[in-house]
Amino acid sequence: MEKEHQHSGDHDHEHHDHGHGAPDLAKITTLLGYMLSHNNEHAGEIAEIAHLLRHADKDGAADLLEESVKDFDTGNEKLSQALALLKGGA
């Protein structure tokens, strides 16, 4: 595997008072789009690792990783649906 992926480590999240006005929907939409893309990238990387493990006769680990890709896909579908609702104004 030649592809390298790094995180910046700055996964801070803003804490806010839920009693204040409307949320910044443009910011939320942008963040969800980024998260969806990022998760898809990770799912692809995990699938690649599963493939490599399968060739190394590590079927148990490969099976679990392939299942985790399905979990990513399920979550990403929900993120995608939420994003579509936000972009559609619903």
PDB file of N, CA and C in Angstrom:
ATOM      1  N   MET A   1       0.844  -1.175   0.000  1.00  0.00           N
ATOM      2  CA  MET A   1       0.000   0.000   0.000  1.00  0.00           C
ATOM      3  C   MET A   1       0.886   1.233   0.000  1.00  0.00           C
ATOM      4  N   GLU A   2       0.777   2.025  -1.033  1.00  0.00           N
ATOM      5  CA  GLU A   2       1.643   3.182  -1.144  1.00  0.00           C
ATOM      6  C   GLU A   2       0.950   4.468  -0.708  1.00  0.00           C
ATOM      7  N   LYS A   3      -0.347   4.429  -0.623  1.00  0.00           N
ATOM      8  CA  LYS A   3      -1.109   5.628  -0.286  1.00  0.00           C
ATOM      9  C   LYS A   3      -0.945   5.958   1.192  1.00  0.00           C
ATOM     10  N   GLU A   4      -0.656   7.211   1.475  1.00  0.00           N
ATOM     11  CA  GLU A   4      -0.493   7.639   2.862  1.00  0.00           C
ATOM     12  C   GLU A   4      -1.599   8.610   3.202  1.00  0.00           C
ATOM     13  N   HIS A   5      -2.129   8.494   4.387  1.00  0.00           N
ATOM     14  CA  HIS A   5      -3.207   9.377   4.826  1.00  0.00           C
ATOM     15  C   HIS A   5      -2.889   9.835   6.240  1.00  0.00           C
ATOM     16  N   GLN A   6      -2.963  11.122   6.449  1.00  0.00           N
ATOM     17  CA  GLN A   6      -2.673  11.649   7.774  1.00  0.00           C
ATOM     18  C   GLN A   6      -3.802  12.551   8.229  1.00  0.00           C
ATOM     19  N   HIS A   7      -3.979  12.583   9.500  1.00  0.00           N
ATOM     20  CA  HIS A   7      -4.919  13.514  10.121  1.00  0.00           C
ATOM     21  C   HIS A   7      -4.124  14.645  10.748  1.00  0.00           C
ATOM     22  N   SER A   8      -4.695  15.817  10.736  1.00  0.00           N
ATOM     23  CA  SER A   8      -4.006  16.959  11.318  1.00  0.00           C
ATOM     24  C   SER A   8      -4.063  16.935  12.842  1.00  0.00           C
ATOM     25  N   GLY A   9      -4.966  16.163  13.395  1.00  0.00           N
ATOM     26  CA  GLY A   9      -5.065  16.075  14.847  1.00  0.00           C
ATOM     27  C   GLY A   9      -5.919  17.166  15.452  1.00  0.00           C
ATOM     28  N   ASP A  10      -6.427  18.070  14.635  1.00  0.00           N
ATOM     29  CA  ASP A  10      -7.232  19.172  15.167  1.00  0.00           C
ATOM     30  C   ASP A  10      -8.714  18.865  14.977  1.00  0.00           C
ATOM     31  N   HIS A  11      -9.162  17.881  15.707  1.00  0.00           N
ATOM     32  CA  HIS A  11     -10.553  17.473  15.625  1.00  0.00           C
ATOM     33  C   HIS A  11     -11.393  18.132  16.714  1.00  0.00           C
ATOM     34  N   ASP A  12     -11.067  19.373  17.047  1.00  0.00           N
ATOM     35  CA  ASP A  12     -11.836  20.090  18.055  1.00  0.00           C
ATOM     36  C   ASP A  12     -13.233  20.381  17.521  1.00  0.00           C
ATOM     37  N   HIS A  13     -14.161  20.393  18.413  1.00  0.00           N
ATOM     38  CA  HIS A  13     -15.533  20.698  18.051  1.00  0.00           C
ATOM     39  C   HIS A  13     -15.995  21.886  18.875  1.00  0.00           C
ATOM     40  N   GLU A  14     -16.720  22.777  18.228  1.00  0.00           N
ATOM     41  CA  GLU A  14     -17.248  23.932  18.947  1.00  0.00           C
ATOM     42  C   GLU A  14     -18.384  23.490  19.863  1.00  0.00           C
ATOM     43  N   HIS A  15     -18.377  24.018  21.053  1.00  0.00           N
ATOM     44  CA  HIS A  15     -19.502  23.805  21.962  1.00  0.00           C
ATOM     45  C   HIS A  15     -20.319  25.083  21.953  1.00  0.00           C
ATOM     46  N   HIS A  16     -21.617  24.920  21.936  1.00  0.00           N
ATOM     47  CA  HIS A  16     -22.454  26.097  21.811  1.00  0.00           C
ATOM     48  C   HIS A  16     -23.692  25.953  22.679  1.00  0.00           C
ATOM     49  N   ASP A  17     -24.306  27.070  22.943  1.00  0.00           N
ATOM     50  CA  ASP A  17     -25.544  27.125  23.715  1.00  0.00           C
ATOM     51  C   ASP A  17     -26.694  26.905  22.745  1.00  0.00           C
ATOM     52  N   HIS A  18     -27.487  25.888  22.991  1.00  0.00           N
ATOM     53  CA  HIS A  18     -28.576  25.560  22.084  1.00  0.00           C
ATOM     54  C   HIS A  18     -29.721  26.573  22.140  1.00  0.00           C
ATOM     55  N   GLY A  19     -29.632  27.554  22.975  1.00  0.00           N
ATOM     56  CA  GLY A  19     -30.686  28.542  23.084  1.00  0.00           C
ATOM     57  C   GLY A  19     -30.506  29.724  22.149  1.00  0.00           C
ATOM     58  N   HIS A  20     -29.454  29.750  21.357  1.00  0.00           N
ATOM     59  CA  HIS A  20     -29.157  30.890  20.493  1.00  0.00           C
ATOM     60  C   HIS A  20     -29.648  30.641  19.085  1.00  0.00           C
ATOM     61  N   GLY A  21     -30.371  31.529  18.495  1.00  0.00           N
ATOM     62  CA  GLY A  21     -30.772  31.584  17.094  1.00  0.00           C
ATOM     63  C   GLY A  21     -30.587  30.343  16.243  1.00  0.00           C
ATOM     64  N   ALA A  22     -30.737  30.545  14.959  1.00  0.00           N
ATOM     65  CA  ALA A  22     -30.660  29.469  13.977  1.00  0.00           C
ATOM     66  C   ALA A  22     -29.208  29.055  13.741  1.00  0.00           C
ATOM     67  N   PRO A  23     -28.999  27.771  13.466  1.00  0.00           N
ATOM     68  CA  PRO A  23     -27.640  27.308  13.166  1.00  0.00           C
ATOM     69  C   PRO A  23     -27.200  27.807  11.791  1.00  0.00           C
ATOM     70  N   ASP A  24     -25.913  27.820  11.562  1.00  0.00           N
ATOM     71  CA  ASP A  24     -25.355  28.206  10.266  1.00  0.00           C
ATOM     72  C   ASP A  24     -25.453  26.998   9.346  1.00  0.00           C
ATOM     73  N   LEU A  25     -26.539  26.932   8.570  1.00  0.00           N
ATOM     74  CA  LEU A  25     -26.798  25.766   7.733  1.00  0.00           C
ATOM     75  C   LEU A  25     -25.749  25.599   6.638  1.00  0.00           C
ATOM     76  N   ALA A  26     -25.216  26.687   6.130  1.00  0.00           N
ATOM     77  CA  ALA A  26     -24.178  26.586   5.103  1.00  0.00           C
ATOM     78  C   ALA A  26     -22.942  25.904   5.686  1.00  0.00           C
ATOM     79  N   LYS A  27     -22.585  26.281   6.902  1.00  0.00           N
ATOM     80  CA  LYS A  27     -21.421  25.682   7.562  1.00  0.00           C
ATOM     81  C   LYS A  27     -21.670  24.203   7.841  1.00  0.00           C
ATOM     82  N   ILE A  28     -22.853  23.877   8.308  1.00  0.00           N
ATOM     83  CA  ILE A  28     -23.202  22.489   8.602  1.00  0.00           C
ATOM     84  C   ILE A  28     -23.196  21.655   7.317  1.00  0.00           C
ATOM     85  N   THR A  29     -23.756  22.195   6.249  1.00  0.00           N
ATOM     86  CA  THR A  29     -23.790  21.491   4.969  1.00  0.00           C
ATOM     87  C   THR A  29     -22.379  21.228   4.460  1.00  0.00           C
ATOM     88  N   THR A  30     -21.518  22.219   4.561  1.00  0.00           N
ATOM     89  CA  THR A  30     -20.130  22.054   4.149  1.00  0.00           C
ATOM     90  C   THR A  30     -19.434  20.997   4.995  1.00  0.00           C
ATOM     91  N   LEU A  31     -19.635  21.033   6.295  1.00  0.00           N
ATOM     92  CA  LEU A  31     -19.016  20.059   7.197  1.00  0.00           C
ATOM     93  C   LEU A  31     -19.498  18.645   6.894  1.00  0.00           C
ATOM     94  N   LEU A  32     -20.794  18.471   6.690  1.00  0.00           N
ATOM     95  CA  LEU A  32     -21.324  17.142   6.381  1.00  0.00           C
ATOM     96  C   LEU A  32     -20.786  16.628   5.048  1.00  0.00           C
ATOM     97  N   GLY A  33     -20.652  17.509   4.069  1.00  0.00           N
ATOM     98  CA  GLY A  33     -20.076  17.113   2.782  1.00  0.00           C
ATOM     99  C   GLY A  33     -18.649  16.638   2.948  1.00  0.00           C
ATOM    100  N   TYR A  34     -17.882  17.362   3.751  1.00  0.00           N
ATOM    101  CA  TYR A  34     -16.498  16.967   4.029  1.00  0.00           C
ATOM    102  C   TYR A  34     -16.459  15.618   4.739  1.00  0.00           C
ATOM    103  N   MET A  35     -17.311  15.449   5.743  1.00  0.00           N
ATOM    104  CA  MET A  35     -17.319  14.209   6.512  1.00  0.00           C
ATOM    105  C   MET A  35     -17.684  13.019   5.624  1.00  0.00           C
ATOM    106  N   LEU A  36     -18.647  13.208   4.735  1.00  0.00           N
ATOM    107  CA  LEU A  36     -19.056  12.143   3.830  1.00  0.00           C
ATOM    108  C   LEU A  36     -17.902  11.737   2.924  1.00  0.00           C
ATOM    109  N   SER A  37     -17.226  12.722   2.355  1.00  0.00           N
ATOM    110  CA  SER A  37     -16.088  12.444   1.490  1.00  0.00           C
ATOM    111  C   SER A  37     -14.972  11.745   2.262  1.00  0.00           C
ATOM    112  N   HIS A  38     -14.699  12.229   3.443  1.00  0.00           N
ATOM    113  CA  HIS A  38     -13.645  11.684   4.296  1.00  0.00           C
ATOM    114  C   HIS A  38     -13.951  10.232   4.672  1.00  0.00           C
ATOM    115  N   ASN A  39     -15.199   9.975   5.054  1.00  0.00           N
ATOM    116  CA  ASN A  39     -15.595   8.615   5.416  1.00  0.00           C
ATOM    117  C   ASN A  39     -15.491   7.672   4.221  1.00  0.00           C
ATOM    118  N   ASN A  40     -15.888   8.144   3.038  1.00  0.00           N
ATOM    119  CA  ASN A  40     -15.777   7.314   1.838  1.00  0.00           C
ATOM    120  C   ASN A  40     -14.326   6.961   1.554  1.00  0.00           C
ATOM    121  N   GLU A  41     -13.441   7.926   1.760  1.00  0.00           N
ATOM    122  CA  GLU A  41     -12.017   7.678   1.569  1.00  0.00           C
ATOM    123  C   GLU A  41     -11.528   6.593   2.529  1.00  0.00           C
ATOM    124  N   HIS A  42     -11.919   6.696   3.780  1.00  0.00           N
ATOM    125  CA  HIS A  42     -11.514   5.699   4.771  1.00  0.00           C
ATOM    126  C   HIS A  42     -12.096   4.327   4.450  1.00  0.00           C
ATOM    127  N   ALA A  43     -13.342   4.278   4.014  1.00  0.00           N
ATOM    128  CA  ALA A  43     -13.949   2.992   3.657  1.00  0.00           C
ATOM    129  C   ALA A  43     -13.154   2.325   2.535  1.00  0.00           C
ATOM    130  N   GLY A  44     -12.722   3.116   1.574  1.00  0.00           N
ATOM    131  CA  GLY A  44     -11.910   2.575   0.491  1.00  0.00           C
ATOM    132  C   GLY A  44     -10.581   2.042   0.985  1.00  0.00           C
ATOM    133  N   GLU A  45      -9.974   2.757   1.912  1.00  0.00           N
ATOM    134  CA  GLU A  45      -8.699   2.308   2.480  1.00  0.00           C
ATOM    135  C   GLU A  45      -8.869   1.009   3.262  1.00  0.00           C
ATOM    136  N   ILE A  46      -9.956   0.908   4.006  1.00  0.00           N
ATOM    137  CA  ILE A  46     -10.217  -0.301   4.784  1.00  0.00           C
ATOM    138  C   ILE A  46     -10.471  -1.474   3.839  1.00  0.00           C
ATOM    139  N   ALA A  47     -11.209  -1.241   2.761  1.00  0.00           N
ATOM    140  CA  ALA A  47     -11.462  -2.300   1.777  1.00  0.00           C
ATOM    141  C   ALA A  47     -10.153  -2.777   1.159  1.00  0.00           C
ATOM    142  N   GLU A  48      -9.245  -1.856   0.895  1.00  0.00           N
ATOM    143  CA  GLU A  48      -7.945  -2.224   0.340  1.00  0.00           C
ATOM    144  C   GLU A  48      -7.149  -3.080   1.327  1.00  0.00           C
ATOM    145  N   ILE A  49      -7.175  -2.714   2.585  1.00  0.00           N
ATOM    146  CA  ILE A  49      -6.483  -3.506   3.606  1.00  0.00           C
ATOM    147  C   ILE A  49      -7.106  -4.890   3.704  1.00  0.00           C
ATOM    148  N   ALA A  50      -8.432  -4.975   3.664  1.00  0.00           N
ATOM    149  CA  ALA A  50      -9.110  -6.274   3.713  1.00  0.00           C
ATOM    150  C   ALA A  50      -8.661  -7.148   2.545  1.00  0.00           C
ATOM    151  N   HIS A  51      -8.548  -6.558   1.375  1.00  0.00           N
ATOM    152  CA  HIS A  51      -8.101  -7.284   0.189  1.00  0.00           C
ATOM    153  C   HIS A  51      -6.684  -7.837   0.405  1.00  0.00           C
ATOM    154  N   LEU A  52      -5.812  -7.005   0.934  1.00  0.00           N
ATOM    155  CA  LEU A  52      -4.442  -7.447   1.197  1.00  0.00           C
ATOM    156  C   LEU A  52      -4.413  -8.580   2.220  1.00  0.00           C
ATOM    157  N   LEU A  53      -5.229  -8.456   3.262  1.00  0.00           N
ATOM    158  CA  LEU A  53      -5.270  -9.496   4.289  1.00  0.00           C
ATOM    159  C   LEU A  53      -5.828 -10.800   3.738  1.00  0.00           C
ATOM    160  N   ARG A  54      -6.787 -10.692   2.842  1.00  0.00           N
ATOM    161  CA  ARG A  54      -7.357 -11.885   2.229  1.00  0.00           C
ATOM    162  C   ARG A  54      -6.258 -12.653   1.469  1.00  0.00           C
ATOM    163  N   HIS A  55      -5.406 -11.921   0.759  1.00  0.00           N
ATOM    164  CA  HIS A  55      -4.302 -12.547   0.031  1.00  0.00           C
ATOM    165  C   HIS A  55      -3.241 -13.110   0.976  1.00  0.00           C
ATOM    166  N   ALA A  56      -3.214 -12.633   2.199  1.00  0.00           N
ATOM    167  CA  ALA A  56      -2.267 -13.147   3.199  1.00  0.00           C
ATOM    168  C   ALA A  56      -2.896 -14.260   4.041  1.00  0.00           C
ATOM    169  N   ASP A  57      -4.054 -14.767   3.582  1.00  0.00           N
ATOM    170  CA  ASP A  57      -4.770 -15.837   4.292  1.00  0.00           C
ATOM    171  C   ASP A  57      -5.177 -15.443   5.710  1.00  0.00           C
ATOM    172  N   LYS A  58      -5.498 -14.183   5.885  1.00  0.00           N
ATOM    173  CA  LYS A  58      -5.997 -13.674   7.168  1.00  0.00           C
ATOM    174  C   LYS A  58      -7.491 -13.387   7.015  1.00  0.00           C
ATOM    175  N   ASP A  59      -8.245 -14.465   6.684  1.00  0.00           N
ATOM    176  CA  ASP A  59      -9.654 -14.316   6.331  1.00  0.00           C
ATOM    177  C   ASP A  59     -10.520 -13.766   7.460  1.00  0.00           C
ATOM    178  N   GLY A  60     -10.234 -14.141   8.690  1.00  0.00           N
ATOM    179  CA  GLY A  60     -11.042 -13.640   9.810  1.00  0.00           C
ATOM    180  C   GLY A  60     -10.961 -12.130   9.930  1.00  0.00           C
ATOM    181  N   ALA A  61      -9.748 -11.605   9.873  1.00  0.00           N
ATOM    182  CA  ALA A  61      -9.569 -10.152   9.949  1.00  0.00           C
ATOM    183  C   ALA A  61     -10.158  -9.481   8.709  1.00  0.00           C
ATOM    184  N   ALA A  62      -9.954 -10.093   7.543  1.00  0.00           N
ATOM    185  CA  ALA A  62     -10.490  -9.529   6.303  1.00  0.00           C
ATOM    186  C   ALA A  62     -12.012  -9.473   6.364  1.00  0.00           C
ATOM    187  N   ASP A  63     -12.643 -10.530   6.877  1.00  0.00           N
ATOM    188  CA  ASP A  63     -14.106 -10.551   7.008  1.00  0.00           C
ATOM    189  C   ASP A  63     -14.598  -9.384   7.865  1.00  0.00           C
ATOM    190  N   LEU A  64     -13.937  -9.179   9.002  1.00  0.00           N
ATOM    191  CA  LEU A  64     -14.345  -8.095   9.909  1.00  0.00           C
ATOM    192  C   LEU A  64     -14.172  -6.725   9.259  1.00  0.00           C
ATOM    193  N   LEU A  65     -13.074  -6.552   8.544  1.00  0.00           N
ATOM    194  CA  LEU A  65     -12.861  -5.270   7.869  1.00  0.00           C
ATOM    195  C   LEU A  65     -13.896  -5.049   6.773  1.00  0.00           C
ATOM    196  N   GLU A  66     -14.225  -6.099   6.037  1.00  0.00           N
ATOM    197  CA  GLU A  66     -15.261  -5.955   5.010  1.00  0.00           C
ATOM    198  C   GLU A  66     -16.612  -5.613   5.631  1.00  0.00           C
ATOM    199  N   GLU A  67     -16.908  -6.196   6.785  1.00  0.00           N
ATOM    200  CA  GLU A  67     -18.136  -5.844   7.497  1.00  0.00           C
ATOM    201  C   GLU A  67     -18.098  -4.377   7.941  1.00  0.00           C
ATOM    202  N   SER A  68     -16.932  -3.915   8.368  1.00  0.00           N
ATOM    203  CA  SER A  68     -16.828  -2.519   8.803  1.00  0.00           C
ATOM    204  C   SER A  68     -17.036  -1.568   7.635  1.00  0.00           C
ATOM    205  N   VAL A  69     -16.625  -1.974   6.436  1.00  0.00           N
ATOM    206  CA  VAL A  69     -16.866  -1.146   5.248  1.00  0.00           C
ATOM    207  C   VAL A  69     -18.375  -1.025   5.017  1.00  0.00           C
ATOM    208  N   LYS A  70     -19.104  -2.125   5.213  1.00  0.00           N
ATOM    209  CA  LYS A  70     -20.566  -2.072   5.083  1.00  0.00           C
ATOM    210  C   LYS A  70     -21.158  -1.109   6.110  1.00  0.00           C
ATOM    211  N   ASP A  71     -20.599  -1.109   7.326  1.00  0.00           N
ATOM    212  CA  ASP A  71     -21.060  -0.173   8.356  1.00  0.00           C
ATOM    213  C   ASP A  71     -20.793   1.278   7.933  1.00  0.00           C
ATOM    214  N   PHE A  72     -19.604   1.522   7.386  1.00  0.00           N
ATOM    215  CA  PHE A  72     -19.298   2.853   6.867  1.00  0.00           C
ATOM    216  C   PHE A  72     -20.322   3.231   5.804  1.00  0.00           C
ATOM    217  N   ASP A  73     -20.606   2.282   4.895  1.00  0.00           N
ATOM    218  CA  ASP A  73     -21.539   2.558   3.812  1.00  0.00           C
ATOM    219  C   ASP A  73     -22.929   2.907   4.342  1.00  0.00           C
ATOM    220  N   THR A  74     -23.371   2.189   5.374  1.00  0.00           N
ATOM    221  CA  THR A  74     -24.677   2.469   5.982  1.00  0.00           C
ATOM    222  C   THR A  74     -24.697   3.876   6.584  1.00  0.00           C
ATOM    223  N   GLY A  75     -23.674   4.207   7.337  1.00  0.00           N
ATOM    224  CA  GLY A  75     -23.594   5.543   7.931  1.00  0.00           C
ATOM    225  C   GLY A  75     -23.475   6.621   6.876  1.00  0.00           C
ATOM    226  N   ASN A  76     -22.692   6.360   5.849  1.00  0.00           N
ATOM    227  CA  ASN A  76     -22.514   7.348   4.786  1.00  0.00           C
ATOM    228  C   ASN A  76     -23.802   7.578   4.013  1.00  0.00           C
ATOM    229  N   GLU A  77     -24.605   6.541   3.848  1.00  0.00           N
ATOM    230  CA  GLU A  77     -25.898   6.708   3.173  1.00  0.00           C
ATOM    231  C   GLU A  77     -26.797   7.642   3.983  1.00  0.00           C
ATOM    232  N   LYS A  78     -26.771   7.493   5.287  1.00  0.00           N
ATOM    233  CA  LYS A  78     -27.572   8.372   6.152  1.00  0.00           C
ATOM    234  C   LYS A  78     -27.047   9.806   6.113  1.00  0.00           C
ATOM    235  N   LEU A  79     -25.715   9.966   6.118  1.00  0.00           N
ATOM    236  CA  LEU A  79     -25.134  11.303   5.978  1.00  0.00           C
ATOM    237  C   LEU A  79     -25.538  11.925   4.640  1.00  0.00           C
ATOM    238  N   SER A  80     -25.501  11.116   3.598  1.00  0.00           N
ATOM    239  CA  SER A  80     -25.853  11.592   2.266  1.00  0.00           C
ATOM    240  C   SER A  80     -27.312  12.038   2.210  1.00  0.00           C
ATOM    241  N   GLN A  81     -28.182  11.275   2.829  1.00  0.00           N
ATOM    242  CA  GLN A  81     -29.600  11.630   2.859  1.00  0.00           C
ATOM    243  C   GLN A  81     -29.831  12.925   3.635  1.00  0.00           C
ATOM    244  N   ALA A  82     -29.163  13.064   4.768  1.00  0.00           N
ATOM    245  CA  ALA A  82     -29.282  14.292   5.558  1.00  0.00           C
ATOM    246  C   ALA A  82     -28.768  15.486   4.765  1.00  0.00           C
ATOM    247  N   LEU A  83     -27.656  15.294   4.075  1.00  0.00           N
ATOM    248  CA  LEU A  83     -27.081  16.354   3.258  1.00  0.00           C
ATOM    249  C   LEU A  83     -28.038  16.756   2.142  1.00  0.00           C
ATOM    250  N   ALA A  84     -28.655  15.771   1.502  1.00  0.00           N
ATOM    251  CA  ALA A  84     -29.617  16.060   0.434  1.00  0.00           C
ATOM    252  C   ALA A  84     -30.814  16.851   0.975  1.00  0.00           C
ATOM    253  N   LEU A  85     -31.273  16.496   2.167  1.00  0.00           N
ATOM    254  CA  LEU A  85     -32.375  17.240   2.778  1.00  0.00           C
ATOM    255  C   LEU A  85     -31.972  18.691   3.056  1.00  0.00           C
ATOM    256  N   LEU A  86     -30.762  18.884   3.561  1.00  0.00           N
ATOM    257  CA  LEU A  86     -30.298  20.234   3.842  1.00  0.00           C
ATOM    258  C   LEU A  86     -30.149  21.048   2.553  1.00  0.00           C
ATOM    259  N   LYS A  87     -29.617  20.431   1.527  1.00  0.00           N
ATOM    260  CA  LYS A  87     -29.431  21.140   0.257  1.00  0.00           C
ATOM    261  C   LYS A  87     -30.762  21.420  -0.430  1.00  0.00           C
ATOM    262  N   GLY A  88     -31.748  20.555  -0.169  1.00  0.00           N
ATOM    263  CA  GLY A  88     -33.067  20.728  -0.769  1.00  0.00           C
ATOM    264  C   GLY A  88     -33.958  21.659   0.032  1.00  0.00           C
ATOM    265  N   GLY A  89     -33.484  22.077   1.202  1.00  0.00           N
ATOM    266  CA  GLY A  89     -34.242  23.015   2.013  1.00  0.00           C
ATOM    267  C   GLY A  89     -35.292  22.382   2.895  1.00  0.00           C
ATOM    268  N   ALA A  90     -35.339  21.053   2.936  1.00  0.00           N
ATOM    269  CA  ALA A  90     -36.360  20.390   3.761  1.00  0.00           C
ATOM    270  C   ALA A  90     -35.944  20.322   5.201  1.00  0.00           C
TER     271      ALA A  90
END
